[in-house]
Amino acid sequence: MRANRRSFLRGLALSALAASSTAFAAPLEKVKDLGVLRVGLYADNRPWSWDQGGKVAGIDADIARALAEALGVRADLQLFLAGEDISDDLRNVVWRGGLLGFQPCDVMLHVPFERQLMQAEDNVVFLAPYYRETFGAACSRDGGNCEAVPAAFKGRPITVELASIPDFYLLGHAGGTLAKDLIHVPTGYDAAAALADGSADFTVATTAQIEAVVADHADAGIKVRKGPLPMMMSPGWDIGIAVKENSRNLGFRLEEVLEQMIADGRMAAIFKSHGVNWKPALSAQS
């Protein structure tokens, strides 16, 4: 189905080109001519992308470098702060640029691959779902039974990323019984990392954040919940890439590279190097 979807989108692009030879620039050729692929990545988004001593590290950073290498160009990784919503990010990073002089990127990674978003954003093209994100929970070494309902941790320190889905979930869990126990931190990785030093007993975060922290603190004895979270409001989502609407040829080429990386095991290897188990996007399997 993915091949059919890509063929359909290519047909649309070719039709537009036939209607006007100047309707689309040649972003793929431009990238190759300049010798640089400018990639937009979220800042402070460990294990996906973050600044590590002046170098951009993370799963998405490694994927971006692999994409640039496949094109035979250099990767220019640009970290940006998340806006109020994903539409702000797409506008600032992909199709218009930021108000403070941030220049648009050739491609943005870690973009939700969701139908509703695609229908709302006509300035960008969404492609190549490469991972399925989900939520999980974990406990400290002495945190008790991690398979218990979250309400069982009432009266104990619970870390969670501020204003995130896990935050809303825990605030509303069991009638708000855990509200006074929540310790808000900047990221889900920070929330899980608090389990390593014993400053928290329980957390809810994305599966990738939890797995990365467990790998980074292998001796901390962090326990990962195996069962599903009761009444979790989100079943998860796919993540992919986004390019400007007139950059379809670049997007198609990058999608091909990502498919090759998935097929030959390079994608899973990148995830494994950061302690995260790669999971295929659901939309890529339909």
C-alpha atoms as a PDB file:
ATOM      1  CA  MET A   1       0.000   0.000   0.000  1.00  0.00           C
ATOM      2  CA  ARG A   2       2.870   2.352   0.696  1.00  0.00           C
ATOM      3  CA  ALA A   3       4.140   1.897  -2.845  1.00  0.00           C
ATOM      4  CA  ASN A   4       0.662   2.659  -4.169  1.00  0.00           C
ATOM      5  CA  ARG A   5       0.422   5.754  -1.979  1.00  0.00           C
ATOM      6  CA  ARG A   6       3.802   6.969  -3.173  1.00  0.00           C
ATOM      7  CA  SER A   7       2.868   6.275  -6.799  1.00  0.00           C
ATOM      8  CA  PHE A   8      -0.349   8.227  -6.336  1.00  0.00           C
ATOM      9  CA  LEU A   9       1.488  11.211  -4.861  1.00  0.00           C
ATOM     10  CA  ARG A  10       4.075  11.074  -7.628  1.00  0.00           C
ATOM     11  CA  GLY A  11       1.260  11.133 -10.157  1.00  0.00           C
ATOM     12  CA  LEU A  12      -0.082  14.297  -8.572  1.00  0.00           C
ATOM     13  CA  ALA A  13       3.341  15.900  -8.669  1.00  0.00           C
ATOM     14  CA  LEU A  14       3.878  15.000 -12.336  1.00  0.00           C
ATOM     15  CA  SER A  15       0.457  16.359 -13.243  1.00  0.00           C
ATOM     16  CA  ALA A  16       1.280  19.650 -11.582  1.00  0.00           C
ATOM     17  CA  LEU A  17       4.585  19.823 -13.401  1.00  0.00           C
ATOM     18  CA  ALA A  18       2.860  19.203 -16.703  1.00  0.00           C
ATOM     19  CA  ALA A  19       0.474  22.062 -15.989  1.00  0.00           C
ATOM     20  CA  SER A  20       3.290  24.483 -15.247  1.00  0.00           C
ATOM     21  CA  SER A  21       6.962  23.832 -15.768  1.00  0.00           C
ATOM     22  CA  THR A  22       7.787  26.440 -13.140  1.00  0.00           C
ATOM     23  CA  ALA A  23       5.268  25.279 -10.549  1.00  0.00           C
ATOM     24  CA  PHE A  24       7.870  23.280  -8.691  1.00  0.00           C
ATOM     25  CA  ALA A  25      11.516  23.958  -8.188  1.00  0.00           C
ATOM     26  CA  ALA A  26      13.821  20.970  -8.038  1.00  0.00           C
ATOM     27  CA  PRO A  27      14.548  20.688  -4.304  1.00  0.00           C
ATOM     28  CA  LEU A  28      16.297  17.323  -4.642  1.00  0.00           C
ATOM     29  CA  GLU A  29      18.640  18.686  -7.282  1.00  0.00           C
ATOM     30  CA  LYS A  30      19.093  21.863  -5.242  1.00  0.00           C
ATOM     31  CA  VAL A  31      20.108  19.842  -2.188  1.00  0.00           C
ATOM     32  CA  LYS A  32      22.615  17.909  -4.265  1.00  0.00           C
ATOM     33  CA  ASP A  33      23.953  21.069  -5.916  1.00  0.00           C
ATOM     34  CA  LEU A  34      24.462  22.749  -2.547  1.00  0.00           C
ATOM     35  CA  GLY A  35      25.867  19.565  -1.050  1.00  0.00           C
ATOM     36  CA  VAL A  36      23.834  19.982   2.129  1.00  0.00           C
ATOM     37  CA  LEU A  37      20.622  18.468   3.516  1.00  0.00           C
ATOM     38  CA  ARG A  38      19.175  20.833   6.118  1.00  0.00           C
ATOM     39  CA  VAL A  39      17.206  18.789   8.649  1.00  0.00           C
ATOM     40  CA  GLY A  40      14.925  20.160  11.363  1.00  0.00           C
ATOM     41  CA  LEU A  41      15.014  18.260  14.669  1.00  0.00           C
ATOM     42  CA  TYR A  42      13.355  18.964  17.990  1.00  0.00           C
ATOM     43  CA  ALA A  43      15.659  20.312  20.681  1.00  0.00           C
ATOM     44  CA  ASP A  44      15.786  18.687  24.123  1.00  0.00           C
ATOM     45  CA  ASN A  45      13.961  15.620  22.839  1.00  0.00           C
ATOM     46  CA  ARG A  46      16.113  12.822  24.200  1.00  0.00           C
ATOM     47  CA  PRO A  47      16.566  10.063  23.006  1.00  0.00           C
ATOM     48  CA  TRP A  48      15.528  11.457  19.624  1.00  0.00           C
ATOM     49  CA  SER A  49      17.536  14.659  19.338  1.00  0.00           C
ATOM     50  CA  TRP A  50      19.402  16.887  21.749  1.00  0.00           C
ATOM     51  CA  ASP A  51      22.599  18.917  22.075  1.00  0.00           C
ATOM     52  CA  GLN A  52      25.368  16.835  23.574  1.00  0.00           C
ATOM     53  CA  GLY A  53      28.417  18.986  24.124  1.00  0.00           C
ATOM     54  CA  GLY A  54      27.871  21.002  20.966  1.00  0.00           C
ATOM     55  CA  LYS A  55      26.987  18.022  18.773  1.00  0.00           C
ATOM     56  CA  VAL A  56      23.460  16.952  17.909  1.00  0.00           C
ATOM     57  CA  ALA A  57      22.900  13.440  19.246  1.00  0.00           C
ATOM     58  CA  GLY A  58      20.006  11.013  19.179  1.00  0.00           C
ATOM     59  CA  ILE A  59      18.022   8.567  17.084  1.00  0.00           C
ATOM     60  CA  ASP A  60      16.655  11.202  14.705  1.00  0.00           C
ATOM     61  CA  ALA A  61      20.100  12.783  14.397  1.00  0.00           C
ATOM     62  CA  ASP A  62      21.575   9.446  13.315  1.00  0.00           C
ATOM     63  CA  ILE A  63      18.713   8.893  10.863  1.00  0.00           C
ATOM     64  CA  ALA A  64      19.246  12.378   9.428  1.00  0.00           C
ATOM     65  CA  ARG A  65      22.936  11.704   8.884  1.00  0.00           C
ATOM     66  CA  ALA A  66      22.103   8.431   7.150  1.00  0.00           C
ATOM     67  CA  LEU A  67      19.666  10.246   4.853  1.00  0.00           C
ATOM     68  CA  ALA A  68      22.276  12.839   3.921  1.00  0.00           C
ATOM     69  CA  GLU A  69      24.875  10.152   3.310  1.00  0.00           C
ATOM     70  CA  ALA A  70      22.504   8.335   0.953  1.00  0.00           C
ATOM     71  CA  LEU A  71      22.117  11.550  -1.053  1.00  0.00           C
ATOM     72  CA  GLY A  72      25.863  12.086  -1.087  1.00  0.00           C
ATOM     73  CA  VAL A  73      25.650  15.366   0.808  1.00  0.00           C
ATOM     74  CA  ARG A  74      26.466  16.766   4.254  1.00  0.00           C
ATOM     75  CA  ALA A  75      23.854  16.811   7.021  1.00  0.00           C
ATOM     76  CA  ASP A  76      23.128  20.226   8.518  1.00  0.00           C
ATOM     77  CA  LEU A  77      21.174  19.413  11.672  1.00  0.00           C
ATOM     78  CA  GLN A  78      19.108  22.282  13.049  1.00  0.00           C
ATOM     79  CA  LEU A  79      17.611  21.988  16.526  1.00  0.00           C
ATOM     80  CA  PHE A  80      14.455  24.012  17.151  1.00  0.00           C
ATOM     81  CA  LEU A  81      12.211  24.531  20.152  1.00  0.00           C
ATOM     82  CA  ALA A  82       8.709  23.137  19.925  1.00  0.00           C
ATOM     83  CA  GLY A  83       5.967  25.701  19.370  1.00  0.00           C
ATOM     84  CA  GLU A  84       2.483  25.810  20.822  1.00  0.00           C
ATOM     85  CA  ASP A  85       1.360  23.048  18.471  1.00  0.00           C
ATOM     86  CA  ILE A  86       2.612  20.978  15.548  1.00  0.00           C
ATOM     87  CA  SER A  87       1.189  23.465  13.023  1.00  0.00           C
ATOM     88  CA  ASP A  88       3.529  26.122  14.410  1.00  0.00           C
ATOM     89  CA  ASP A  89       6.468  23.749  14.036  1.00  0.00           C
ATOM     90  CA  LEU A  90       5.597  22.849  10.454  1.00  0.00           C
ATOM     91  CA  ARG A  91       5.220  26.502   9.529  1.00  0.00           C
ATOM     92  CA  ASN A  92       8.456  27.592  11.191  1.00  0.00           C
ATOM     93  CA  VAL A  93      10.609  24.644  10.169  1.00  0.00           C
ATOM     94  CA  VAL A  94       9.254  23.399   6.843  1.00  0.00           C
ATOM     95  CA  TRP A  95       7.361  25.872   4.700  1.00  0.00           C
ATOM     96  CA  ARG A  96       7.861  29.467   5.866  1.00  0.00           C
ATOM     97  CA  GLY A  97      10.587  29.882   8.452  1.00  0.00           C
ATOM     98  CA  GLY A  98      10.634  31.299  11.960  1.00  0.00           C
ATOM     99  CA  LEU A  99       9.995  34.894  12.985  1.00  0.00           C
ATOM    100  CA  LEU A 100      13.488  35.203  14.474  1.00  0.00           C
ATOM    101  CA  GLY A 101      15.253  34.401  11.235  1.00  0.00           C
ATOM    102  CA  PHE A 102      15.169  30.616  11.387  1.00  0.00           C
ATOM    103  CA  GLN A 103      15.448  29.445   7.786  1.00  0.00           C
ATOM    104  CA  PRO A 104      13.184  26.634   6.564  1.00  0.00           C
ATOM    105  CA  CYS A 105      14.690  23.165   6.494  1.00  0.00           C
ATOM    106  CA  ASP A 106      14.647  20.723   3.595  1.00  0.00           C
ATOM    107  CA  VAL A 107      12.987  18.105   5.771  1.00  0.00           C
ATOM    108  CA  MET A 108      11.654  17.772   9.311  1.00  0.00           C
ATOM    109  CA  LEU A 109      11.809  14.522  11.267  1.00  0.00           C
ATOM    110  CA  HIS A 110       9.641  13.191  14.097  1.00  0.00           C
ATOM    111  CA  VAL A 111       6.408  14.465  12.576  1.00  0.00           C
ATOM    112  CA  PRO A 112       3.122  12.821  13.659  1.00  0.00           C
ATOM    113  CA  PHE A 113       1.829  10.765  10.734  1.00  0.00           C
ATOM    114  CA  GLU A 114      -1.883  11.258  11.307  1.00  0.00           C
ATOM    115  CA  ARG A 115      -4.756  11.705   8.872  1.00  0.00           C
ATOM    116  CA  GLN A 116      -6.330  14.669  10.669  1.00  0.00           C
ATOM    117  CA  LEU A 117      -3.043  16.567  10.630  1.00  0.00           C
ATOM    118  CA  MET A 118      -2.459  15.786   6.967  1.00  0.00           C
ATOM    119  CA  GLN A 119      -5.884  17.136   6.040  1.00  0.00           C
ATOM    120  CA  ALA A 120      -5.240  20.354   7.960  1.00  0.00           C
ATOM    121  CA  GLU A 121      -1.790  21.105   6.552  1.00  0.00           C
ATOM    122  CA  ASP A 122      -1.748  21.775   2.822  1.00  0.00           C
ATOM    123  CA  ASN A 123       1.676  23.425   2.723  1.00  0.00           C
ATOM    124  CA  VAL A 124       3.562  20.249   3.559  1.00  0.00           C
ATOM    125  CA  VAL A 125       3.704  16.632   2.453  1.00  0.00           C
ATOM    126  CA  PHE A 126       3.816  13.872   5.087  1.00  0.00           C
ATOM    127  CA  LEU A 127       5.819  10.777   4.189  1.00  0.00           C
ATOM    128  CA  ALA A 128       7.728   7.743   5.422  1.00  0.00           C
ATOM    129  CA  PRO A 129       6.307   6.728   8.822  1.00  0.00           C
ATOM    130  CA  TYR A 130       9.294   5.031  10.453  1.00  0.00           C
ATOM    131  CA  TYR A 131       8.299   4.273  14.070  1.00  0.00           C
ATOM    132  CA  ARG A 132       5.283   3.638  16.283  1.00  0.00           C
ATOM    133  CA  GLU A 133       5.385   5.647  19.504  1.00  0.00           C
ATOM    134  CA  THR A 134       3.498   4.410  22.570  1.00  0.00           C
ATOM    135  CA  PHE A 135       3.333   5.107  26.286  1.00  0.00           C
ATOM    136  CA  GLY A 136       4.554   3.047  29.205  1.00  0.00           C
ATOM    137  CA  ALA A 137       5.424   3.256  32.875  1.00  0.00           C
ATOM    138  CA  ALA A 138       8.390   2.408  35.073  1.00  0.00           C
ATOM    139  CA  CYS A 139       9.319   2.235  38.747  1.00  0.00           C
ATOM    140  CA  SER A 140      12.485   2.729  40.748  1.00  0.00           C
ATOM    141  CA  ARG A 141      14.329  -0.235  42.223  1.00  0.00           C
ATOM    142  CA  ASP A 142      12.401   0.170  45.478  1.00  0.00           C
ATOM    143  CA  GLY A 143       9.250   1.554  43.904  1.00  0.00           C
ATOM    144  CA  GLY A 144       7.087  -1.457  44.592  1.00  0.00           C
ATOM    145  CA  ASN A 145       4.807  -3.335  42.201  1.00  0.00           C
ATOM    146  CA  CYS A 146       5.088  -1.638  38.828  1.00  0.00           C
ATOM    147  CA  GLU A 147       2.148  -3.646  37.477  1.00  0.00           C
ATOM    148  CA  ALA A 148      -0.242  -2.078  39.996  1.00  0.00           C
ATOM    149  CA  VAL A 149      -2.621   0.677  38.954  1.00  0.00           C
ATOM    150  CA  PRO A 150      -1.009   4.136  39.147  1.00  0.00           C
ATOM    151  CA  ALA A 151      -3.282   5.040  42.070  1.00  0.00           C
ATOM    152  CA  ALA A 152      -1.293   2.543  44.160  1.00  0.00           C
ATOM    153  CA  PHE A 153       1.555   5.085  44.167  1.00  0.00           C
ATOM    154  CA  LYS A 154      -0.460   7.710  46.006  1.00  0.00           C
ATOM    155  CA  GLY A 155       1.724   9.475  48.563  1.00  0.00           C
ATOM    156  CA  ARG A 156       4.948   8.621  46.703  1.00  0.00           C
ATOM    157  CA  PRO A 157       6.985  10.844  44.378  1.00  0.00           C
ATOM    158  CA  ILE A 158       5.881  10.571  40.747  1.00  0.00           C
ATOM    159  CA  THR A 159       7.733  12.388  37.988  1.00  0.00           C
ATOM    160  CA  VAL A 160       6.116  13.401  34.712  1.00  0.00           C
ATOM    161  CA  GLU A 161       6.775  15.764  31.813  1.00  0.00           C
ATOM    162  CA  LEU A 162       4.883  19.020  32.267  1.00  0.00           C
ATOM    163  CA  ALA A 163       1.802  19.532  30.080  1.00  0.00           C
ATOM    164  CA  SER A 164       2.231  16.187  28.325  1.00  0.00           C
ATOM    165  CA  ILE A 165      -0.228  13.372  27.674  1.00  0.00           C
ATOM    166  CA  PRO A 166       1.219  11.415  30.654  1.00  0.00           C
ATOM    167  CA  ASP A 167       0.754  14.524  32.805  1.00  0.00           C
ATOM    168  CA  PHE A 168      -2.920  14.861  31.848  1.00  0.00           C
ATOM    169  CA  TYR A 169      -3.363  11.121  32.307  1.00  0.00           C
ATOM    170  CA  LEU A 170      -1.919  11.085  35.820  1.00  0.00           C
ATOM    171  CA  LEU A 171      -3.705  14.292  36.847  1.00  0.00           C
ATOM    172  CA  GLY A 172      -7.039  12.745  35.959  1.00  0.00           C
ATOM    173  CA  HIS A 173      -6.311   9.197  37.099  1.00  0.00           C
ATOM    174  CA  ALA A 174      -8.615   7.851  39.815  1.00  0.00           C
ATOM    175  CA  GLY A 175     -10.387  11.164  40.232  1.00  0.00           C
ATOM    176  CA  GLY A 176      -7.188  13.186  40.588  1.00  0.00           C
ATOM    177  CA  THR A 177      -5.907  11.265  43.585  1.00  0.00           C
ATOM    178  CA  LEU A 178      -2.288  11.596  42.397  1.00  0.00           C
ATOM    179  CA  ALA A 179      -2.319  15.331  41.661  1.00  0.00           C
ATOM    180  CA  LYS A 180      -0.394  16.294  44.816  1.00  0.00           C
ATOM    181  CA  ASP A 181       2.242  13.638  44.234  1.00  0.00           C
ATOM    182  CA  LEU A 182       3.284  14.747  40.752  1.00  0.00           C
ATOM    183  CA  ILE A 183       6.698  16.307  40.264  1.00  0.00           C
ATOM    184  CA  HIS A 184       6.833  18.109  36.933  1.00  0.00           C
ATOM    185  CA  VAL A 185      10.052  18.027  34.915  1.00  0.00           C
ATOM    186  CA  PRO A 186      10.971  19.371  31.446  1.00  0.00           C
ATOM    187  CA  THR A 187      10.961  16.088  29.491  1.00  0.00           C
ATOM    188  CA  GLY A 188       9.810  12.491  29.680  1.00  0.00           C
ATOM    189  CA  TYR A 189      13.449  11.389  29.632  1.00  0.00           C
ATOM    190  CA  ASP A 190      14.053  13.491  32.757  1.00  0.00           C
ATOM    191  CA  ALA A 191      10.992  11.931  34.365  1.00  0.00           C
ATOM    192  CA  ALA A 192      12.296   8.412  33.798  1.00  0.00           C
ATOM    193  CA  ALA A 193      15.863   9.366  34.744  1.00  0.00           C
ATOM    194  CA  ALA A 194      14.605  10.418  38.199  1.00  0.00           C
ATOM    195  CA  LEU A 195      13.929   6.734  38.874  1.00  0.00           C
ATOM    196  CA  ALA A 196      17.640   6.000  38.580  1.00  0.00           C
ATOM    197  CA  ASP A 197      18.710   8.104  41.563  1.00  0.00           C
ATOM    198  CA  GLY A 198      15.671   7.301  43.686  1.00  0.00           C
ATOM    199  CA  SER A 199      14.186  10.812  43.584  1.00  0.00           C
ATOM    200  CA  ALA A 200      10.997   9.291  42.151  1.00  0.00           C
ATOM    201  CA  ASP A 201       9.244   5.953  42.534  1.00  0.00           C
ATOM    202  CA  PHE A 202       7.011   5.969  39.457  1.00  0.00           C
ATOM    203  CA  THR A 203       6.648   7.637  36.070  1.00  0.00           C
ATOM    204  CA  VAL A 204       4.624   7.493  32.875  1.00  0.00           C
ATOM    205  CA  ALA A 205       6.455   8.484  29.694  1.00  0.00           C
ATOM    206  CA  THR A 206       6.863   7.345  26.109  1.00  0.00           C
ATOM    207  CA  THR A 207       8.214   3.863  25.618  1.00  0.00           C
ATOM    208  CA  ALA A 208      11.301   5.231  23.862  1.00  0.00           C
ATOM    209  CA  GLN A 209      12.104   7.596  26.716  1.00  0.00           C
ATOM    210  CA  ILE A 210      11.798   4.837  29.292  1.00  0.00           C
ATOM    211  CA  GLU A 211      13.856   2.338  27.275  1.00  0.00           C
ATOM    212  CA  ALA A 212      16.606   4.888  26.686  1.00  0.00           C
ATOM    213  CA  VAL A 213      16.856   5.723  30.385  1.00  0.00           C
ATOM    214  CA  VAL A 214      16.963   2.033  31.326  1.00  0.00           C
ATOM    215  CA  ALA A 215      19.846   1.561  28.871  1.00  0.00           C
ATOM    216  CA  ASP A 216      21.666   4.675  30.096  1.00  0.00           C
ATOM    217  CA  HIS A 217      21.306   3.607  33.745  1.00  0.00           C
ATOM    218  CA  ALA A 218      21.678  -0.140  33.438  1.00  0.00           C
ATOM    219  CA  ASP A 219      22.770  -0.585  37.058  1.00  0.00           C
ATOM    220  CA  ALA A 220      19.945   1.435  38.591  1.00  0.00           C
ATOM    221  CA  GLY A 221      17.486  -1.451  38.741  1.00  0.00           C
ATOM    222  CA  ILE A 222      14.660   0.442  37.045  1.00  0.00           C
ATOM    223  CA  LYS A 223      11.591  -1.765  36.581  1.00  0.00           C
ATOM    224  CA  VAL A 224       9.533  -1.373  33.405  1.00  0.00           C
ATOM    225  CA  ARG A 225       5.812  -2.024  33.500  1.00  0.00           C
ATOM    226  CA  LYS A 226       4.838  -4.901  31.190  1.00  0.00           C
ATOM    227  CA  GLY A 227       1.080  -4.500  31.183  1.00  0.00           C
ATOM    228  CA  PRO A 228      -0.926  -1.672  29.555  1.00  0.00           C
ATOM    229  CA  LEU A 229      -1.812   1.455  31.481  1.00  0.00           C
ATOM    230  CA  PRO A 230      -5.486   1.419  32.508  1.00  0.00           C
ATOM    231  CA  MET A 231      -7.609   3.994  30.680  1.00  0.00           C
ATOM    232  CA  MET A 232      -4.630   5.576  28.921  1.00  0.00           C
ATOM    233  CA  MET A 233      -6.130   8.268  26.678  1.00  0.00           C
ATOM    234  CA  SER A 234      -3.753   7.719  23.736  1.00  0.00           C
ATOM    235  CA  PRO A 235      -3.013   4.421  21.961  1.00  0.00           C
ATOM    236  CA  GLY A 236       0.107   5.946  20.420  1.00  0.00           C
ATOM    237  CA  TRP A 237       0.931   7.392  17.032  1.00  0.00           C
ATOM    238  CA  ASP A 238       3.222   6.952  14.041  1.00  0.00           C
ATOM    239  CA  ILE A 239       6.057   9.365  13.315  1.00  0.00           C
ATOM    240  CA  GLY A 240       7.439  10.217   9.896  1.00  0.00           C
ATOM    241  CA  ILE A 241       8.935  13.087   7.910  1.00  0.00           C
ATOM    242  CA  ALA A 242       7.579  16.288   6.358  1.00  0.00           C
ATOM    243  CA  VAL A 243       8.787  18.305   3.382  1.00  0.00           C
ATOM    244  CA  LYS A 244       7.439  21.453   1.754  1.00  0.00           C
ATOM    245  CA  GLU A 245       4.614  20.859  -0.690  1.00  0.00           C
ATOM    246  CA  ASN A 246       6.837  21.672  -3.671  1.00  0.00           C
ATOM    247  CA  SER A 247       9.620  19.371  -2.465  1.00  0.00           C
ATOM    248  CA  ARG A 248       7.887  16.101  -3.267  1.00  0.00           C
ATOM    249  CA  ASN A 249      10.797  14.701  -5.268  1.00  0.00           C
ATOM    250  CA  LEU A 250      13.083  15.157  -2.271  1.00  0.00           C
ATOM    251  CA  GLY A 251      10.471  13.599   0.001  1.00  0.00           C
ATOM    252  CA  PHE A 252      10.027  10.590  -2.272  1.00  0.00           C
ATOM    253  CA  ARG A 253      13.770  10.000  -2.386  1.00  0.00           C
ATOM    254  CA  LEU A 254      14.089  10.238   1.386  1.00  0.00           C
ATOM    255  CA  GLU A 255      11.160   7.857   1.789  1.00  0.00           C
ATOM    256  CA  GLU A 256      12.951   5.342  -0.425  1.00  0.00           C
ATOM    257  CA  VAL A 257      16.069   5.615   1.725  1.00  0.00           C
ATOM    258  CA  LEU A 258      14.088   5.126   4.925  1.00  0.00           C
ATOM    259  CA  GLU A 259      12.373   2.065   3.475  1.00  0.00           C
ATOM    260  CA  GLN A 260      15.774   0.647   2.564  1.00  0.00           C
ATOM    261  CA  MET A 261      17.051   1.327   6.077  1.00  0.00           C
ATOM    262  CA  ILE A 262      14.081  -0.512   7.560  1.00  0.00           C
ATOM    263  CA  ALA A 263      14.440  -3.451   5.169  1.00  0.00           C
ATOM    264  CA  ASP A 264      18.176  -3.991   5.682  1.00  0.00           C
ATOM    265  CA  GLY A 265      18.131  -3.555   9.469  1.00  0.00           C
ATOM    266  CA  ARG A 266      19.946  -0.229   9.683  1.00  0.00           C
ATOM    267  CA  MET A 267      16.916   1.448  11.239  1.00  0.00           C
ATOM    268  CA  ALA A 268      16.623  -1.117  14.040  1.00  0.00           C
ATOM    269  CA  ALA A 269      20.390  -0.858  14.602  1.00  0.00           C
ATOM    270  CA  ILE A 270      20.196   2.911  15.085  1.00  0.00           C
ATOM    271  CA  PHE A 271      17.418   2.508  17.639  1.00  0.00           C
ATOM    272  CA  LYS A 272      19.308  -0.263  19.423  1.00  0.00           C
ATOM    273  CA  SER A 273      22.411   1.911  19.730  1.00  0.00           C
ATOM    274  CA  HIS A 274      20.289   4.257  21.871  1.00  0.00           C
ATOM    275  CA  GLY A 275      18.731   1.462  23.917  1.00  0.00           C
ATOM    276  CA  VAL A 276      15.354   1.665  22.171  1.00  0.00           C
ATOM    277  CA  ASN A 277      13.499  -1.180  20.490  1.00  0.00           C
ATOM    278  CA  TRP A 278      12.389  -0.197  16.997  1.00  0.00           C
ATOM    279  CA  LYS A 279       8.679  -0.716  16.302  1.00  0.00           C
ATOM    280  CA  PRO A 280       7.256  -0.390  12.775  1.00  0.00           C
ATOM    281  CA  ALA A 281       4.635   2.249  12.177  1.00  0.00           C
ATOM    282  CA  LEU A 282       1.117   0.859  11.966  1.00  0.00           C
ATOM    283  CA  SER A 283       0.374   2.882   8.831  1.00  0.00           C
ATOM    284  CA  ALA A 284       3.397   1.321   7.141  1.00  0.00           C
ATOM    285  CA  GLN A 285       1.876  -2.129   7.604  1.00  0.00           C
ATOM    286  CA  SER A 286      -1.596  -1.362   6.236  1.00  0.00           C
END
